[in-house]
PDB file of N, CA and C in Angstrom:
ATOM      1  N   MET A   1      95.319 114.803 148.370  1.00  0.00           N
ATOM      2  CA  MET A   1      96.332 113.421 147.598  1.00  0.00           C
ATOM      3  C   MET A   1      95.378 112.108 146.701  1.00  0.00           C
ATOM      4  N   LYS A   2      94.466 112.655 146.403  1.00  0.00           N
ATOM      5  CA  LYS A   2      93.580 111.281 145.376  1.00  0.00           C
ATOM      6  C   LYS A   2      94.183 112.039 144.701  1.00  0.00           C
ATOM      7  N   ASN A   3      94.475 112.950 143.774  1.00  0.00           N
ATOM      8  CA  ASN A   3      95.027 113.205 142.421  1.00  0.00           C
ATOM      9  C   ASN A   3      96.206 113.225 142.501  1.00  0.00           C
ATOM     10  N   ILE A   4      97.166 112.383 143.216  1.00  0.00           N
ATOM     11  CA  ILE A   4      98.595 111.822 142.678  1.00  0.00           C
ATOM     12  C   ILE A   4      98.322 111.166 141.575  1.00  0.00           C
ATOM     13  N   GLY A   5      97.502 109.938 141.050  1.00  0.00           N
ATOM     14  CA  GLY A   5      97.576 109.172 140.328  1.00  0.00           C
ATOM     15  C   GLY A   5      96.979 109.862 139.051  1.00  0.00           C
ATOM     16  N   LEU A   6      96.295 110.924 139.284  1.00  0.00           N
ATOM     17  CA  LEU A   6      95.971 111.736 137.861  1.00  0.00           C
ATOM     18  C   LEU A   6      97.118 112.449 137.715  1.00  0.00           C
ATOM     19  N   ILE A   7      98.119 112.755 138.267  1.00  0.00           N
ATOM     20  CA  ILE A   7      99.276 113.484 137.488  1.00  0.00           C
ATOM     21  C   ILE A   7     100.109 112.946 137.110  1.00  0.00           C
ATOM     22  N   ARG A   8     100.509 111.861 138.248  1.00  0.00           N
ATOM     23  CA  ARG A   8     101.117 110.710 137.610  1.00  0.00           C
ATOM     24  C   ARG A   8     100.946 110.160 135.794  1.00  0.00           C
ATOM     25  N   GLU A   9      99.514 109.781 136.047  1.00  0.00           N
ATOM     26  CA  GLU A   9      98.918 109.751 134.740  1.00  0.00           C
ATOM     27  C   GLU A   9      99.299 110.610 133.729  1.00  0.00           C
ATOM     28  N   ALA A  10      98.953 112.052 134.105  1.00  0.00           N
ATOM     29  CA  ALA A  10      99.207 113.259 133.019  1.00  0.00           C
ATOM     30  C   ALA A  10     100.638 113.110 132.734  1.00  0.00           C
ATOM     31  N   LEU A  11     101.692 112.825 133.323  1.00  0.00           N
ATOM     32  CA  LEU A  11     103.072 113.295 133.219  1.00  0.00           C
ATOM     33  C   LEU A  11     104.100 112.030 132.028  1.00  0.00           C
ATOM     34  N   ALA A  12     102.862 110.707 132.639  1.00  0.00           N
ATOM     35  CA  ALA A  12     103.260 109.983 131.729  1.00  0.00           C
ATOM     36  C   ALA A  12     103.118 109.950 130.495  1.00  0.00           C
ATOM     37  N   GLN A  13     101.666 110.188 129.963  1.00  0.00           N
ATOM     38  CA  GLN A  13     100.967 110.820 128.354  1.00  0.00           C
ATOM     39  C   GLN A  13     102.252 111.600 128.159  1.00  0.00           C
ATOM     40  N   VAL A  14     102.538 112.915 128.361  1.00  0.00           N
ATOM     41  CA  VAL A  14     103.741 113.947 127.950  1.00  0.00           C
ATOM     42  C   VAL A  14     104.894 112.940 127.193  1.00  0.00           C
ATOM     43  N   PHE A  15     105.299 112.017 127.726  1.00  0.00           N
ATOM     44  CA  PHE A  15     106.734 111.509 127.273  1.00  0.00           C
ATOM     45  C   PHE A  15     106.269 110.241 126.515  1.00  0.00           C
ATOM     46  N   ARG A  16     105.147 110.280 126.007  1.00  0.00           N
ATOM     47  CA  ARG A  16     104.783 109.020 124.992  1.00  0.00           C
ATOM     48  C   ARG A  16     104.101 109.493 123.665  1.00  0.00           C
ATOM     49  N   ARG A  17     104.791 108.944 122.625  1.00  0.00           N
ATOM     50  CA  ARG A  17     104.427 109.084 121.272  1.00  0.00           C
ATOM     51  C   ARG A  17     102.724 109.204 121.009  1.00  0.00           C
ATOM     52  N   PRO A  18     102.215 110.194 120.686  1.00  0.00           N
ATOM     53  CA  PRO A  18     101.006 110.835 119.724  1.00  0.00           C
ATOM     54  C   PRO A  18     100.391 109.361 119.042  1.00  0.00           C
ATOM     55  N   VAL A  19      99.265 108.995 119.619  1.00  0.00           N
ATOM     56  CA  VAL A  19      98.671 107.790 118.732  1.00  0.00           C
ATOM     57  C   VAL A  19      98.040 107.853 117.208  1.00  0.00           C
ATOM     58  N   THR A  20      97.641 109.875 117.248  1.00  0.00           N
ATOM     59  CA  THR A  20      96.747 110.012 116.268  1.00  0.00           C
ATOM     60  C   THR A  20      98.077 110.069 115.277  1.00  0.00           C
ATOM     61  N   LEU A  21      97.637 110.169 113.981  1.00  0.00           N
ATOM     62  CA  LEU A  21      98.707 110.658 112.741  1.00  0.00           C
ATOM     63  C   LEU A  21      98.415 112.111 112.417  1.00  0.00           C
ATOM     64  N   LYS A  22      99.084 112.353 112.255  1.00  0.00           N
ATOM     65  CA  LYS A  22      98.906 114.202 111.564  1.00  0.00           C
ATOM     66  C   LYS A  22      98.855 114.139 110.256  1.00  0.00           C
ATOM     67  N   TYR A  23      97.192 113.870 110.310  1.00  0.00           N
ATOM     68  CA  TYR A  23      96.736 113.901 108.604  1.00  0.00           C
ATOM     69  C   TYR A  23      96.475 115.328 108.202  1.00  0.00           C
ATOM     70  N   PRO A  24      96.582 115.598 106.890  1.00  0.00           N
ATOM     71  CA  PRO A  24      96.927 115.011 105.677  1.00  0.00           C
ATOM     72  C   PRO A  24      98.626 114.581 105.163  1.00  0.00           C
ATOM     73  N   PHE A  25      99.273 114.681 106.097  1.00  0.00           N
ATOM     74  CA  PHE A  25     100.553 114.891 105.821  1.00  0.00           C
ATOM     75  C   PHE A  25     101.157 113.425 106.008  1.00  0.00           C
ATOM     76  N   GLU A  26     100.432 112.744 107.636  1.00  0.00           N
ATOM     77  CA  GLU A  26     100.994 111.104 107.216  1.00  0.00           C
ATOM     78  C   GLU A  26      99.970 110.359 107.022  1.00  0.00           C
ATOM     79  N   ARG A  27      99.744 109.120 106.397  1.00  0.00           N
ATOM     80  CA  ARG A  27      98.489 108.794 106.396  1.00  0.00           C
ATOM     81  C   ARG A  27      98.818 107.051 106.217  1.00  0.00           C
ATOM     82  N   LYS A  28      97.933 106.097 106.601  1.00  0.00           N
ATOM     83  CA  LYS A  28      98.368 104.765 107.313  1.00  0.00           C
ATOM     84  C   LYS A  28      97.500 104.408 106.039  1.00  0.00           C
ATOM     85  N   PRO A  29      98.134 103.144 105.490  1.00  0.00           N
ATOM     86  CA  PRO A  29      97.856 102.707 103.813  1.00  0.00           C
ATOM     87  C   PRO A  29      96.646 101.907 104.127  1.00  0.00           C
ATOM     88  N   VAL A  30      95.380 102.032 103.489  1.00  0.00           N
ATOM     89  CA  VAL A  30      94.423 101.376 103.476  1.00  0.00           C
ATOM     90  C   VAL A  30      94.498  99.502 103.474  1.00  0.00           C
ATOM     91  N   PRO A  31      93.654  99.118 104.144  1.00  0.00           N
ATOM     92  CA  PRO A  31      93.703  97.683 104.214  1.00  0.00           C
ATOM     93  C   PRO A  31      93.275  97.060 102.825  1.00  0.00           C
ATOM     94  N   LYS A  32      93.369  95.764 102.097  1.00  0.00           N
ATOM     95  CA  LYS A  32      93.199  94.900 100.878  1.00  0.00           C
ATOM     96  C   LYS A  32      92.444  95.017 100.573  1.00  0.00           C
ATOM     97  N   ASP A  33      91.602  94.658 101.402  1.00  0.00           N
ATOM     98  CA  ASP A  33      89.799  94.338 100.934  1.00  0.00           C
ATOM     99  C   ASP A  33      88.782  95.849 100.853  1.00  0.00           C
ATOM    100  N   PHE A  34      89.820  97.251 101.066  1.00  0.00           N
ATOM    101  CA  PHE A  34      89.530  98.275 101.098  1.00  0.00           C
ATOM    102  C   PHE A  34      87.906  98.434 100.152  1.00  0.00           C
ATOM    103  N   ARG A  35      87.212  99.055 100.222  1.00  0.00           N
ATOM    104  CA  ARG A  35      86.059  99.288  99.175  1.00  0.00           C
ATOM    105  C   ARG A  35      85.942 100.979  99.289  1.00  0.00           C
ATOM    106  N   GLY A  36      86.529 101.552  97.923  1.00  0.00           N
ATOM    107  CA  GLY A  36      86.853 102.794  97.955  1.00  0.00           C
ATOM    108  C   GLY A  36      85.452 102.806  96.708  1.00  0.00           C
ATOM    109  N   ARG A  37      86.302 104.096  95.404  1.00  0.00           N
ATOM    110  CA  ARG A  37      85.288 104.679  94.989  1.00  0.00           C
ATOM    111  C   ARG A  37      85.057 103.364  93.413  1.00  0.00           C
ATOM    112  N   PRO A  38      83.743 103.109  93.586  1.00  0.00           N
ATOM    113  CA  PRO A  38      84.333 102.135  91.763  1.00  0.00           C
ATOM    114  C   PRO A  38      84.405 102.750  90.347  1.00  0.00           C
ATOM    115  N   VAL A  39      85.342 101.928  89.880  1.00  0.00           N
ATOM    116  CA  VAL A  39      85.428 102.463  88.694  1.00  0.00           C
ATOM    117  C   VAL A  39      85.222 101.128  87.393  1.00  0.00           C
ATOM    118  N   TRP A  40      84.379 101.677  86.555  1.00  0.00           N
ATOM    119  CA  TRP A  40      84.021 100.533  85.325  1.00  0.00           C
ATOM    120  C   TRP A  40      85.176 100.954  84.500  1.00  0.00           C
ATOM    121  N   ASP A  41      85.379  99.364  83.437  1.00  0.00           N
ATOM    122  CA  ASP A  41      86.241  99.015  82.880  1.00  0.00           C
ATOM    123  C   ASP A  41      84.878  99.292  81.426  1.00  0.00           C
ATOM    124  N   MET A  42      84.714 100.289  80.466  1.00  0.00           N
ATOM    125  CA  MET A  42      83.976 100.029  79.564  1.00  0.00           C
ATOM    126  C   MET A  42      84.268  99.172  78.735  1.00  0.00           C
ATOM    127  N   MET A  43      85.549  98.510  78.302  1.00  0.00           N
ATOM    128  CA  MET A  43      85.677  97.665  76.767  1.00  0.00           C
ATOM    129  C   MET A  43      85.195  96.153  77.897  1.00  0.00           C
ATOM    130  N   ARG A  44      84.875  95.919  79.120  1.00  0.00           N
ATOM    131  CA  ARG A  44      84.754  94.650  79.506  1.00  0.00           C
ATOM    132  C   ARG A  44      82.951  94.352  79.607  1.00  0.00           C
ATOM    133  N   CYS A  45      82.554  96.443  80.069  1.00  0.00           N
ATOM    134  CA  CYS A  45      81.462  96.722  80.302  1.00  0.00           C
ATOM    135  C   CYS A  45      80.328  95.812  78.993  1.00  0.00           C
ATOM    136  N   VAL A  46      79.136  95.086  79.329  1.00  0.00           N
ATOM    137  CA  VAL A  46      78.187  94.746  78.565  1.00  0.00           C
ATOM    138  C   VAL A  46      77.226  95.751  78.167  1.00  0.00           C
ATOM    139  N   GLY A  47      76.793  96.652  79.352  1.00  0.00           N
ATOM    140  CA  GLY A  47      75.675  97.178  79.642  1.00  0.00           C
ATOM    141  C   GLY A  47      74.222  96.202  79.778  1.00  0.00           C
ATOM    142  N   CYS A  48      74.445  95.551  80.760  1.00  0.00           N
ATOM    143  CA  CYS A  48      73.494  94.600  81.167  1.00  0.00           C
ATOM    144  C   CYS A  48      72.561  95.795  81.976  1.00  0.00           C
ATOM    145  N   GLY A  49      72.911  96.476  82.772  1.00  0.00           N
ATOM    146  CA  GLY A  49      72.364  97.275  83.836  1.00  0.00           C
ATOM    147  C   GLY A  49      71.958  96.453  85.161  1.00  0.00           C
ATOM    148  N   LEU A  50      72.076  95.699  85.382  1.00  0.00           N
ATOM    149  CA  LEU A  50      72.340  94.926  86.520  1.00  0.00           C
ATOM    150  C   LEU A  50      73.046  95.989  87.812  1.00  0.00           C
ATOM    151  N   CYS A  51      74.611  96.364  87.711  1.00  0.00           N
ATOM    152  CA  CYS A  51      74.424  97.487  88.435  1.00  0.00           C
ATOM    153  C   CYS A  51      73.821  98.503  88.920  1.00  0.00           C
ATOM    154  N   ALA A  52      72.984  98.915  88.012  1.00  0.00           N
ATOM    155  CA  ALA A  52      72.405  99.965  88.472  1.00  0.00           C
ATOM    156  C   ALA A  52      71.049  99.560  89.162  1.00  0.00           C
ATOM    157  N   ARG A  53      70.676  98.132  88.351  1.00  0.00           N
ATOM    158  CA  ARG A  53      69.410  97.853  89.486  1.00  0.00           C
ATOM    159  C   ARG A  53      69.731  97.280  91.147  1.00  0.00           C
ATOM    160  N   VAL A  54      70.890  97.115  91.339  1.00  0.00           N
ATOM    161  CA  VAL A  54      71.177  96.242  92.373  1.00  0.00           C
ATOM    162  C   VAL A  54      71.880  97.405  93.909  1.00  0.00           C
ATOM    163  N   CYS A  55      72.172  98.674  92.951  1.00  0.00           N
ATOM    164  CA  CYS A  55      72.434  99.814  93.929  1.00  0.00           C
ATOM    165  C   CYS A  55      71.032 100.336  94.648  1.00  0.00           C
ATOM    166  N   PRO A  56      71.850 100.248  96.081  1.00  0.00           N
ATOM    167  CA  PRO A  56      70.554 100.707  96.840  1.00  0.00           C
ATOM    168  C   PRO A  56      70.438 102.025  97.044  1.00  0.00           C
ATOM    169  N   SER A  57      71.277 102.794  96.738  1.00  0.00           N
ATOM    170  CA  SER A  57      71.476 104.158  96.997  1.00  0.00           C
ATOM    171  C   SER A  57      70.751 105.246  95.638  1.00  0.00           C
ATOM    172  N   GLY A  58      70.557 104.284  94.755  1.00  0.00           N
ATOM    173  CA  GLY A  58      70.555 104.751  93.183  1.00  0.00           C
ATOM    174  C   GLY A  58      71.999 105.847  92.590  1.00  0.00           C
ATOM    175  N   ALA A  59      72.889 105.504  93.005  1.00  0.00           N
ATOM    176  CA  ALA A  59      74.148 106.019  92.817  1.00  0.00           C
ATOM    177  C   ALA A  59      74.619 105.770  91.185  1.00  0.00           C
ATOM    178  N   ILE A  60      74.085 104.779  90.747  1.00  0.00           N
ATOM    179  CA  ILE A  60      74.534 104.517  89.096  1.00  0.00           C
ATOM    180  C   ILE A  60      73.231 104.530  88.503  1.00  0.00           C
ATOM    181  N   GLU A  61      73.200 105.719  86.932  1.00  0.00           N
ATOM    182  CA  GLU A  61      72.118 105.231  86.336  1.00  0.00           C
ATOM    183  C   GLU A  61      72.640 105.408  85.088  1.00  0.00           C
ATOM    184  N   MET A  62      72.378 103.787  84.362  1.00  0.00           N
ATOM    185  CA  MET A  62      72.605 103.641  82.957  1.00  0.00           C
ATOM    186  C   MET A  62      71.714 104.419  82.101  1.00  0.00           C
ATOM    187  N   VAL A  63      72.585 104.939  81.279  1.00  0.00           N
ATOM    188  CA  VAL A  63      71.971 105.151  79.884  1.00  0.00           C
ATOM    189  C   VAL A  63      72.143 104.509  78.347  1.00  0.00           C
ATOM    190  N   GLY A  64      70.736 104.461  78.454  1.00  0.00           N
ATOM    191  CA  GLY A  64      70.886 103.110  76.892  1.00  0.00           C
ATOM    192  C   GLY A  64      71.257 102.001  77.853  1.00  0.00           C
ATOM    193  N   ARG A  65      70.811 101.032  76.713  1.00  0.00           N
ATOM    194  CA  ARG A  65      71.735  99.114  77.234  1.00  0.00           C
ATOM    195  C   ARG A  65      72.134  99.191  76.295  1.00  0.00           C
ATOM    196  N   GLY A  66      72.709  97.850  76.497  1.00  0.00           N
ATOM    197  CA  GLY A  66      73.533  97.188  75.631  1.00  0.00           C
ATOM    198  C   GLY A  66      74.842  97.414  75.149  1.00  0.00           C
ATOM    199  N   PRO A  67      75.833  97.539  74.223  1.00  0.00           N
ATOM    200  CA  PRO A  67      76.999  97.383  73.729  1.00  0.00           C
ATOM    201  C   PRO A  67      76.953  99.259  73.594  1.00  0.00           C
ATOM    202  N   THR A  68      75.933 100.064  73.230  1.00  0.00           N
ATOM    203  CA  THR A  68      75.869 101.843  73.129  1.00  0.00           C
ATOM    204  C   THR A  68      75.559 102.570  74.580  1.00  0.00           C
ATOM    205  N   SER A  69      75.382 101.437  75.738  1.00  0.00           N
ATOM    206  CA  SER A  69      74.901 102.457  76.888  1.00  0.00           C
ATOM    207  C   SER A  69      76.464 103.307  77.247  1.00  0.00           C
ATOM    208  N   GLU A  70      75.824 103.884  78.335  1.00  0.00           N
ATOM    209  CA  GLU A  70      76.959 104.821  79.360  1.00  0.00           C
ATOM    210  C   GLU A  70      76.467 104.796  80.397  1.00  0.00           C
ATOM    211  N   ILE A  71      77.075 105.021  81.693  1.00  0.00           N
ATOM    212  CA  ILE A  71      77.206 105.134  82.691  1.00  0.00           C
ATOM    213  C   ILE A  71      77.370 105.848  83.730  1.00  0.00           C
ATOM    214  N   LYS A  72      76.483 106.713  84.454  1.00  0.00           N
ATOM    215  CA  LYS A  72      76.664 107.805  84.870  1.00  0.00           C
ATOM    216  C   LYS A  72      76.789 106.861  86.433  1.00  0.00           C
ATOM    217  N   HIS A  73      77.789 107.558  87.541  1.00  0.00           N
ATOM    218  CA  HIS A  73      77.930 107.253  88.721  1.00  0.00           C
ATOM    219  C   HIS A  73      78.022 108.625  89.547  1.00  0.00           C
ATOM    220  N   TYR A  74      77.229 108.633  90.341  1.00  0.00           N
ATOM    221  CA  TYR A  74      77.258 109.994  91.342  1.00  0.00           C
ATOM    222  C   TYR A  74      77.879 109.487  92.502  1.00  0.00           C
ATOM    223  N   VAL A  75      79.136 109.810  92.902  1.00  0.00           N
ATOM    224  CA  VAL A  75      79.638 109.880  94.090  1.00  0.00           C
ATOM    225  C   VAL A  75      79.092 110.253  95.075  1.00  0.00           C
ATOM    226  N   ASP A  76      78.362 111.450  95.650  1.00  0.00           N
ATOM    227  CA  ASP A  76      77.899 112.053  96.251  1.00  0.00           C
ATOM    228  C   ASP A  76      76.398 111.039  96.871  1.00  0.00           C
ATOM    229  N   ARG A  77      76.188 110.359  96.105  1.00  0.00           N
ATOM    230  CA  ARG A  77      74.763 109.422  96.903  1.00  0.00           C
ATOM    231  C   ARG A  77      75.008 107.914  96.851  1.00  0.00           C
ATOM    232  N   CYS A  78      76.681 107.698  96.624  1.00  0.00           N
ATOM    233  CA  CYS A  78      77.196 105.878  96.727  1.00  0.00           C
ATOM    234  C   CYS A  78      77.276 106.136  98.174  1.00  0.00           C
ATOM    235  N   MET A  79      77.199 104.585  98.614  1.00  0.00           N
ATOM    236  CA  MET A  79      77.219 104.154  99.867  1.00  0.00           C
ATOM    237  C   MET A  79      78.929 102.962 100.139  1.00  0.00           C
ATOM    238  N   PHE A  80      79.632 103.673  98.640  1.00  0.00           N
ATOM    239  CA  PHE A  80      80.685 102.328  98.584  1.00  0.00           C
ATOM    240  C   PHE A  80      80.638 100.788  99.267  1.00  0.00           C
ATOM    241  N   CYS A  81      79.099  99.923  99.161  1.00  0.00           N
ATOM    242  CA  CYS A  81      78.871  98.642  99.625  1.00  0.00           C
ATOM    243  C   CYS A  81      79.342  98.016  98.723  1.00  0.00           C
ATOM    244  N   GLY A  82      79.326  98.054  97.464  1.00  0.00           N
ATOM    245  CA  GLY A  82      80.583  97.416  96.620  1.00  0.00           C
ATOM    246  C   GLY A  82      79.552  96.284  95.822  1.00  0.00           C
ATOM    247  N   GLN A  83      77.747  96.302  95.921  1.00  0.00           N
ATOM    248  CA  GLN A  83      77.270  95.680  95.539  1.00  0.00           C
ATOM    249  C   GLN A  83      77.302  95.687  93.555  1.00  0.00           C
ATOM    250  N   CYS A  84      77.459  96.841  93.641  1.00  0.00           N
ATOM    251  CA  CYS A  84      77.551  96.598  91.944  1.00  0.00           C
ATOM    252  C   CYS A  84      78.840  95.698  91.359  1.00  0.00           C
ATOM    253  N   ALA A  85      80.125  95.879  91.738  1.00  0.00           N
ATOM    254  CA  ALA A  85      81.118  95.270  91.750  1.00  0.00           C
ATOM    255  C   ALA A  85      80.993  93.468  91.742  1.00  0.00           C
ATOM    256  N   GLU A  86      80.266  93.406  92.998  1.00  0.00           N
ATOM    257  CA  GLU A  86      79.596  92.000  93.206  1.00  0.00           C
ATOM    258  C   GLU A  86      78.952  91.158  91.953  1.00  0.00           C
ATOM    259  N   SER A  87      78.110  92.274  91.688  1.00  0.00           N
ATOM    260  CA  SER A  87      76.858  91.804  90.937  1.00  0.00           C
ATOM    261  C   SER A  87      77.474  91.396  89.378  1.00  0.00           C
ATOM    262  N   CYS A  88      78.348  92.127  88.856  1.00  0.00           N
ATOM    263  CA  CYS A  88      78.530  92.359  87.620  1.00  0.00           C
ATOM    264  C   CYS A  88      79.188  91.007  87.256  1.00  0.00           C
ATOM    265  N   PRO A  89      78.196  90.418  85.935  1.00  0.00           N
ATOM    266  CA  PRO A  89      78.768  89.009  85.343  1.00  0.00           C
ATOM    267  C   PRO A  89      79.378  89.228  84.718  1.00  0.00           C
ATOM    268  N   ARG A  90      80.596  90.604  84.078  1.00  0.00           N
ATOM    269  CA  ARG A  90      81.362  90.678  83.406  1.00  0.00           C
ATOM    270  C   ARG A  90      82.815  91.203  84.251  1.00  0.00           C
ATOM    271  N   ARG A  91      82.681  91.306  85.480  1.00  0.00           N
ATOM    272  CA  ARG A  91      84.049  91.752  86.276  1.00  0.00           C
ATOM    273  C   ARG A  91      84.327  93.348  85.538  1.00  0.00           C
ATOM    274  N   ALA A  92      83.552  93.760  85.290  1.00  0.00           N
ATOM    275  CA  ALA A  92      83.661  95.309  84.938  1.00  0.00           C
ATOM    276  C   ALA A  92      83.698  96.169  86.155  1.00  0.00           C
ATOM    277  N   ILE A  93      83.655  95.917  87.055  1.00  0.00           N
ATOM    278  CA  ILE A  93      83.391  97.401  87.962  1.00  0.00           C
ATOM    279  C   ILE A  93      84.532  96.413  89.274  1.00  0.00           C
ATOM    280  N   THR A  94      85.516  97.979  89.557  1.00  0.00           N
ATOM    281  CA  THR A  94      86.046  97.178  90.453  1.00  0.00           C
ATOM    282  C   THR A  94      86.399  98.559  91.707  1.00  0.00           C
ATOM    283  N   MET A  95      86.522  97.974  92.732  1.00  0.00           N
ATOM    284  CA  MET A  95      86.711  99.172  93.887  1.00  0.00           C
ATOM    285  C   MET A  95      88.238  99.317  93.878  1.00  0.00           C
ATOM    286  N   THR A  96      88.199 100.838  93.795  1.00  0.00           N
ATOM    287  CA  THR A  96      89.524 101.160  94.414  1.00  0.00           C
ATOM    288  C   THR A  96      89.902 101.784  95.511  1.00  0.00           C
ATOM    289  N   GLN A  97      90.807 102.127  96.087  1.00  0.00           N
ATOM    290  CA  GLN A  97      91.298 102.528  97.154  1.00  0.00           C
ATOM    291  C   GLN A  97      91.489 104.092  97.546  1.00  0.00           C
ATOM    292  N   GLU A  98      90.280 104.596  96.708  1.00  0.00           N
ATOM    293  CA  GLU A  98      90.206 106.121  96.672  1.00  0.00           C
ATOM    294  C   GLU A  98      89.322 106.321  97.916  1.00  0.00           C
ATOM    295  N   TYR A  99      89.128 107.025  98.842  1.00  0.00           N
ATOM    296  CA  TYR A  99      88.812 107.314  99.829  1.00  0.00           C
ATOM    297  C   TYR A  99      88.591 109.277  99.942  1.00  0.00           C
ATOM    298  N   GLU A 100      89.035 109.852  99.450  1.00  0.00           N
ATOM    299  CA  GLU A 100      89.187 111.320  99.941  1.00  0.00           C
ATOM    300  C   GLU A 100      88.487 111.735  98.635  1.00  0.00           C
ATOM    301  N   LEU A 101      87.088 111.662  98.283  1.00  0.00           N
ATOM    302  CA  LEU A 101      85.869 112.196  97.664  1.00  0.00           C
ATOM    303  C   LEU A 101      85.164 113.595  98.084  1.00  0.00           C
ATOM    304  N   ALA A 102      85.599 114.195  99.134  1.00  0.00           N
ATOM    305  CA  ALA A 102      84.887 115.213  99.457  1.00  0.00           C
ATOM    306  C   ALA A 102      85.209 116.176  98.390  1.00  0.00           C
ATOM    307  N   GLY A 103      83.873 116.959  98.358  1.00  0.00           N
ATOM    308  CA  GLY A 103      84.049 118.608  97.604  1.00  0.00           C
ATOM    309  C   GLY A 103      83.086 119.504  97.808  1.00  0.00           C
ATOM    310  N   PHE A 104      83.174 120.439  97.244  1.00  0.00           N
ATOM    311  CA  PHE A 104      82.498 121.437  97.220  1.00  0.00           C
ATOM    312  C   PHE A 104      81.216 121.472  96.259  1.00  0.00           C
ATOM    313  N   ASP A 105      81.897 121.084  94.922  1.00  0.00           N
ATOM    314  CA  ASP A 105      80.857 121.335  93.871  1.00  0.00           C
ATOM    315  C   ASP A 105      80.676 119.619  93.097  1.00  0.00           C
ATOM    316  N   ARG A 106      79.045 119.605  92.857  1.00  0.00           N
ATOM    317  CA  ARG A 106      78.230 118.523  93.385  1.00  0.00           C
ATOM    318  C   ARG A 106      78.415 118.213  91.657  1.00  0.00           C
ATOM    319  N   GLY A 107      79.125 119.215  90.534  1.00  0.00           N
ATOM    320  CA  GLY A 107      79.557 118.763  88.986  1.00  0.00           C
ATOM    321  C   GLY A 107      80.722 117.779  89.539  1.00  0.00           C
ATOM    322  N   LYS A 108      81.574 117.966  90.042  1.00  0.00           N
ATOM    323  CA  LYS A 108      82.544 117.120  90.286  1.00  0.00           C
ATOM    324  C   LYS A 108      82.236 115.883  90.769  1.00  0.00           C
ATOM    325  N   MET A 109      81.512 115.277  91.429  1.00  0.00           N
ATOM    326  CA  MET A 109      81.367 114.249  92.083  1.00  0.00           C
ATOM    327  C   MET A 109      80.577 113.372  90.930  1.00  0.00           C
ATOM    328  N   LEU A 110      80.207 113.902  89.569  1.00  0.00           N
ATOM    329  CA  LEU A 110      79.697 112.999  88.851  1.00  0.00           C
ATOM    330  C   LEU A 110      80.544 112.080  87.823  1.00  0.00           C
ATOM    331  N   HIS A 111      80.610 110.875  87.819  1.00  0.00           N
ATOM    332  CA  HIS A 111      81.723 110.274  86.775  1.00  0.00           C
ATOM    333  C   HIS A 111      81.243 109.543  85.820  1.00  0.00           C
ATOM    334  N   GLU A 112      81.598 109.893  84.496  1.00  0.00           N
ATOM    335  CA  GLU A 112      80.564 109.180  83.169  1.00  0.00           C
ATOM    336  C   GLU A 112      81.895 108.329  82.096  1.00  0.00           C
ATOM    337  N   TYR A 113      81.070 107.460  82.315  1.00  0.00           N
ATOM    338  CA  TYR A 113      81.345 106.342  81.864  1.00  0.00           C
ATOM    339  C   TYR A 113      80.936 106.141  80.521  1.00  0.00           C
ATOM    340  N   LYS A 114      81.932 106.196  79.108  1.00  0.00           N
ATOM    341  CA  LYS A 114      81.472 106.312  77.892  1.00  0.00           C
ATOM    342  C   LYS A 114      82.269 105.256  77.175  1.00  0.00           C
ATOM    343  N   ARG A 115      81.811 104.312  76.023  1.00  0.00           N
ATOM    344  CA  ARG A 115      82.013 103.695  75.094  1.00  0.00           C
ATOM    345  C   ARG A 115      83.502 103.690  74.497  1.00  0.00           C
ATOM    346  N   GLY A 116      84.813 102.773  74.863  1.00  0.00           N
ATOM    347  CA  GLY A 116      85.667 103.075  74.520  1.00  0.00           C
ATOM    348  C   GLY A 116      86.548 104.093  75.430  1.00  0.00           C
ATOM    349  N   SER A 117      85.841 104.253  76.674  1.00  0.00           N
ATOM    350  CA  SER A 117      86.681 105.006  77.994  1.00  0.00           C
ATOM    351  C   SER A 117      86.972 103.987  78.683  1.00  0.00           C
ATOM    352  N   ARG A 118      88.696 104.282  78.711  1.00  0.00           N
ATOM    353  CA  ARG A 118      89.201 102.920  80.338  1.00  0.00           C
ATOM    354  C   ARG A 118      89.153 104.139  81.891  1.00  0.00           C
ATOM    355  N   LEU A 119      89.430 105.242  81.724  1.00  0.00           N
ATOM    356  CA  LEU A 119      89.992 106.108  82.291  1.00  0.00           C
ATOM    357  C   LEU A 119      88.886 106.895  82.657  1.00  0.00           C
ATOM    358  N   LYS A 120      89.025 107.536  83.756  1.00  0.00           N
ATOM    359  CA  LYS A 120      87.776 108.794  84.240  1.00  0.00           C
ATOM    360  C   LYS A 120      88.621 110.034  85.522  1.00  0.00           C
ATOM    361  N   THR A 121      88.642 110.996  84.578  1.00  0.00           N
ATOM    362  CA  THR A 121      88.869 112.187  85.666  1.00  0.00           C
ATOM    363  C   THR A 121      87.707 112.914  86.363  1.00  0.00           C
ATOM    364  N   TRP A 122      88.223 113.696  87.064  1.00  0.00           N
ATOM    365  CA  TRP A 122      86.668 114.228  87.916  1.00  0.00           C
ATOM    366  C   TRP A 122      86.211 115.657  86.741  1.00  0.00           C
ATOM    367  N   GLY A 123      84.956 115.030  86.353  1.00  0.00           N
ATOM    368  CA  GLY A 123      84.323 115.889  85.457  1.00  0.00           C
ATOM    369  C   GLY A 123      84.176 116.057  84.189  1.00  0.00           C
ATOM    370  N   THR A 124      85.363 115.060  83.441  1.00  0.00           N
ATOM    371  CA  THR A 124      85.693 114.671  81.873  1.00  0.00           C
ATOM    372  C   THR A 124      85.902 113.278  82.189  1.00  0.00           C
ATOM    373  N   SER A 125      85.762 112.595  81.105  1.00  0.00           N
ATOM    374  CA  SER A 125      85.989 111.384  81.121  1.00  0.00           C
ATOM    375  C   SER A 125      87.295 111.387  79.949  1.00  0.00           C
ATOM    376  N   VAL A 126      88.291 110.454  79.980  1.00  0.00           N
ATOM    377  CA  VAL A 126      89.569 110.262  79.007  1.00  0.00           C
ATOM    378  C   VAL A 126      89.031 109.015  77.687  1.00  0.00           C
ATOM    379  N   GLU A 127      89.080 109.181  76.531  1.00  0.00           N
ATOM    380  CA  GLU A 127      88.525 108.247  76.190  1.00  0.00           C
ATOM    381  C   GLU A 127      89.999 107.552  75.611  1.00  0.00           C
ATOM    382  N   SER A 128      89.881 106.577  75.598  1.00  0.00           N
ATOM    383  CA  SER A 128      91.047 105.551  75.103  1.00  0.00           C
ATOM    384  C   SER A 128      91.066 105.161  73.430  1.00  0.00           C
ATOM    385  N   ARG A 129      92.232 104.707  72.753  1.00  0.00           N
ATOM    386  CA  ARG A 129      91.967 104.644  71.426  1.00  0.00           C
ATOM    387  C   ARG A 129      91.498 103.202  70.977  1.00  0.00           C
TER     388      ARG A 129
END
């Protein structure tokens, strides 16, 4: 007779709605201040290299300095701490709400930002006019 409480609880749970979501078909919206993948606006970037210096995991590589610099962001190394975005003096780095970044190919986890480009897709950069 000790198990009556356990059976009653089990039956009550059968008729309740599940707490979990059916991911990836159902998704909760991300919070307002969510720190997803960082994205660079190369039109605003001055190439100071501060983002690469403050990155604790070494996920940002600066190729060159100044107005001709390029940025390589290694997503597989990134901790998504937001230090790069906070330290940027020109606010050229924004943290997106992208969080599904897992993959099998490390080459697709490298984002390259070049001068004259605003947008970046996996593996290649999209040049702006």
